[in-house]
N, C-alpha and C. Protein backbone atom coordinates (compact mmCIF):
# COMPACT_ATOMS: atom_id res chain seq x y z
N MET A 1 19.74 -21.47 -46.18
CA MET A 1 20.69 -22.32 -46.91
C MET A 1 20.50 -23.77 -46.49
N ILE A 2 20.47 -24.66 -47.46
CA ILE A 2 20.29 -26.09 -47.21
C ILE A 2 21.67 -26.71 -47.00
N PRO A 3 21.84 -27.47 -45.90
CA PRO A 3 23.15 -28.10 -45.67
C PRO A 3 23.44 -29.14 -46.75
N PRO A 4 24.71 -29.41 -47.02
CA PRO A 4 25.07 -30.41 -48.03
C PRO A 4 24.80 -31.83 -47.54
N CYS A 5 24.86 -32.76 -48.46
CA CYS A 5 24.68 -34.18 -48.15
C CYS A 5 25.70 -34.59 -47.07
N PRO A 6 25.26 -35.24 -46.00
CA PRO A 6 26.19 -35.62 -44.93
C PRO A 6 27.19 -36.71 -45.33
N ILE A 7 26.95 -37.40 -46.43
CA ILE A 7 27.85 -38.47 -46.86
C ILE A 7 28.91 -37.96 -47.82
N CYS A 8 28.48 -37.30 -48.91
CA CYS A 8 29.44 -36.90 -49.95
C CYS A 8 29.67 -35.39 -50.03
N LYS A 9 28.91 -34.64 -49.26
CA LYS A 9 29.03 -33.17 -49.18
C LYS A 9 28.58 -32.44 -50.46
N LYS A 10 27.92 -33.13 -51.39
CA LYS A 10 27.38 -32.48 -52.58
C LYS A 10 26.09 -31.75 -52.20
N PRO A 11 25.66 -30.78 -53.01
CA PRO A 11 24.39 -30.11 -52.73
C PRO A 11 23.22 -31.09 -52.78
N VAL A 12 22.28 -30.93 -51.90
CA VAL A 12 21.10 -31.80 -51.85
C VAL A 12 20.14 -31.34 -52.94
N GLY A 13 19.69 -32.27 -53.76
CA GLY A 13 18.77 -31.95 -54.84
C GLY A 13 17.42 -32.59 -54.59
N ASP A 14 16.97 -33.37 -55.57
CA ASP A 14 15.66 -34.02 -55.49
C ASP A 14 15.73 -35.40 -54.83
N GLY A 15 16.88 -35.78 -54.34
CA GLY A 15 17.04 -37.09 -53.70
C GLY A 15 16.35 -37.12 -52.35
N PRO A 16 16.44 -38.26 -51.68
CA PRO A 16 15.81 -38.40 -50.36
C PRO A 16 16.54 -37.54 -49.32
N ALA A 17 15.87 -36.50 -48.83
CA ALA A 17 16.49 -35.58 -47.87
C ALA A 17 16.90 -36.35 -46.62
N PRO A 18 17.98 -36.04 -45.97
CA PRO A 18 18.92 -34.96 -46.22
C PRO A 18 20.06 -35.36 -47.16
N PHE A 19 19.86 -36.44 -47.92
CA PHE A 19 20.92 -36.95 -48.81
C PHE A 19 20.72 -36.44 -50.23
N CYS A 20 21.77 -36.50 -51.03
CA CYS A 20 21.68 -36.04 -52.42
C CYS A 20 21.17 -37.13 -53.35
N SER A 21 21.27 -38.40 -52.92
CA SER A 21 20.87 -39.50 -53.79
C SER A 21 20.49 -40.73 -52.96
N LYS A 22 19.88 -41.70 -53.63
CA LYS A 22 19.54 -42.97 -52.98
C LYS A 22 20.82 -43.69 -52.55
N ARG A 23 21.88 -43.55 -53.33
CA ARG A 23 23.16 -44.19 -53.01
C ARG A 23 23.67 -43.70 -51.65
N CYS A 24 23.68 -42.38 -51.44
CA CYS A 24 24.15 -41.84 -50.17
C CYS A 24 23.24 -42.26 -49.02
N SER A 25 21.93 -42.32 -49.29
CA SER A 25 20.99 -42.78 -48.27
C SER A 25 21.29 -44.23 -47.88
N ASP A 26 21.57 -45.08 -48.87
CA ASP A 26 21.89 -46.49 -48.60
C ASP A 26 23.21 -46.64 -47.85
N ILE A 27 24.19 -45.81 -48.18
CA ILE A 27 25.47 -45.83 -47.45
C ILE A 27 25.23 -45.52 -45.98
N ASP A 28 24.42 -44.50 -45.71
CA ASP A 28 24.12 -44.13 -44.33
C ASP A 28 23.40 -45.25 -43.60
N LEU A 29 22.41 -45.87 -44.25
CA LEU A 29 21.69 -46.99 -43.64
C LEU A 29 22.64 -48.13 -43.32
N GLY A 30 23.54 -48.44 -44.24
CA GLY A 30 24.53 -49.50 -43.99
C GLY A 30 25.40 -49.21 -42.79
N ARG A 31 25.77 -47.95 -42.62
CA ARG A 31 26.58 -47.57 -41.45
C ARG A 31 25.81 -47.78 -40.16
N TRP A 32 24.52 -47.45 -40.16
CA TRP A 32 23.70 -47.69 -38.96
C TRP A 32 23.60 -49.18 -38.67
N LEU A 33 23.34 -49.96 -39.70
CA LEU A 33 23.15 -51.40 -39.51
C LEU A 33 24.43 -52.11 -39.06
N LYS A 34 25.59 -51.61 -39.48
CA LYS A 34 26.87 -52.20 -39.07
C LYS A 34 27.28 -51.75 -37.67
N GLY A 35 26.61 -50.75 -37.12
CA GLY A 35 26.95 -50.27 -35.79
C GLY A 35 27.97 -49.16 -35.78
N ASN A 36 28.24 -48.55 -36.95
CA ASN A 36 29.20 -47.45 -37.00
C ASN A 36 28.68 -46.22 -36.27
N TYR A 37 27.37 -46.06 -36.23
CA TYR A 37 26.76 -44.96 -35.50
C TYR A 37 26.09 -45.55 -34.26
N ALA A 38 26.04 -44.78 -33.21
CA ALA A 38 25.35 -45.23 -32.00
C ALA A 38 24.79 -44.03 -31.26
N ILE A 39 23.66 -44.22 -30.65
CA ILE A 39 23.06 -43.18 -29.82
C ILE A 39 23.40 -43.56 -28.38
N PRO A 40 24.13 -42.69 -27.67
CA PRO A 40 24.53 -43.04 -26.31
C PRO A 40 23.32 -43.16 -25.38
N GLY A 41 23.40 -44.10 -24.49
CA GLY A 41 22.36 -44.31 -23.50
C GLY A 41 22.96 -44.28 -22.12
N PRO A 42 22.16 -44.60 -21.13
CA PRO A 42 22.70 -44.61 -19.76
C PRO A 42 23.75 -45.71 -19.60
N ALA A 43 24.69 -45.46 -18.71
CA ALA A 43 25.74 -46.44 -18.45
C ALA A 43 25.15 -47.69 -17.82
N ILE A 44 25.69 -48.84 -18.18
CA ILE A 44 25.24 -50.12 -17.64
C ILE A 44 26.26 -50.59 -16.63
N ASP A 45 25.77 -50.93 -15.43
CA ASP A 45 26.65 -51.42 -14.38
C ASP A 45 26.90 -52.91 -14.63
N GLU A 46 28.08 -53.25 -15.07
CA GLU A 46 28.42 -54.64 -15.40
C GLU A 46 28.53 -55.52 -14.16
N SER A 47 28.68 -54.95 -12.97
CA SER A 47 28.84 -55.75 -11.76
C SER A 47 27.52 -56.36 -11.30
N GLU A 48 26.40 -55.77 -11.70
CA GLU A 48 25.10 -56.32 -11.31
C GLU A 48 24.76 -57.49 -12.21
N GLY A 49 24.34 -58.59 -11.60
CA GLY A 49 23.98 -59.78 -12.38
C GLY A 49 22.65 -59.58 -13.08
N GLN A 50 22.54 -60.12 -14.26
CA GLN A 50 21.29 -60.07 -15.01
C GLN A 50 20.58 -61.40 -14.78
N PRO A 51 19.27 -61.37 -14.59
CA PRO A 51 18.54 -62.64 -14.42
C PRO A 51 18.61 -63.46 -15.71
N SER A 52 18.70 -64.76 -15.54
CA SER A 52 18.73 -65.61 -16.73
C SER A 52 17.35 -65.65 -17.36
N ARG A 53 17.27 -66.09 -18.58
CA ARG A 53 16.01 -66.15 -19.31
C ARG A 53 15.04 -67.10 -18.61
N ASP A 54 15.56 -68.17 -18.01
CA ASP A 54 14.71 -69.15 -17.35
C ASP A 54 14.02 -68.56 -16.12
N ASP A 55 14.66 -67.59 -15.44
CA ASP A 55 14.07 -66.99 -14.25
C ASP A 55 12.84 -66.15 -14.58
N ASP A 56 12.76 -65.66 -15.80
CA ASP A 56 11.64 -64.81 -16.20
C ASP A 56 10.43 -65.60 -16.66
N ASP A 57 10.63 -66.87 -17.02
CA ASP A 57 9.53 -67.68 -17.55
C ASP A 57 8.69 -68.24 -16.41
N PRO A 58 7.36 -68.08 -16.49
CA PRO A 58 6.51 -68.65 -15.45
C PRO A 58 6.49 -70.18 -15.56
N GLN A 59 6.34 -70.84 -14.44
CA GLN A 59 6.26 -72.29 -14.41
C GLN A 59 4.84 -72.69 -14.76
N ILE A 60 4.70 -73.58 -15.74
CA ILE A 60 3.39 -74.05 -16.18
C ILE A 60 3.29 -75.53 -15.88
N ASP A 61 2.26 -75.92 -15.14
CA ASP A 61 2.04 -77.32 -14.80
C ASP A 61 1.06 -77.90 -15.84
N LEU A 62 1.55 -78.83 -16.64
CA LEU A 62 0.73 -79.40 -17.71
C LEU A 62 0.02 -80.68 -17.27
N SER A 63 0.08 -81.04 -15.98
CA SER A 63 -0.58 -82.27 -15.55
C SER A 63 -2.03 -82.08 -15.19
């Protein structure tokens, strides 16, 4: 059995799998781009300082 479209729950037909239509596919993409979905990653320790961008750049002597 094929699962229904994750957006509208209609049966999946000839549209872009796993969606039933381009519209539902675009809705899903918009949700990803807006940050509605997220893949969890490792916890970030906020107490540790991050190096500034300038610290990572090598010093170049142009003289």
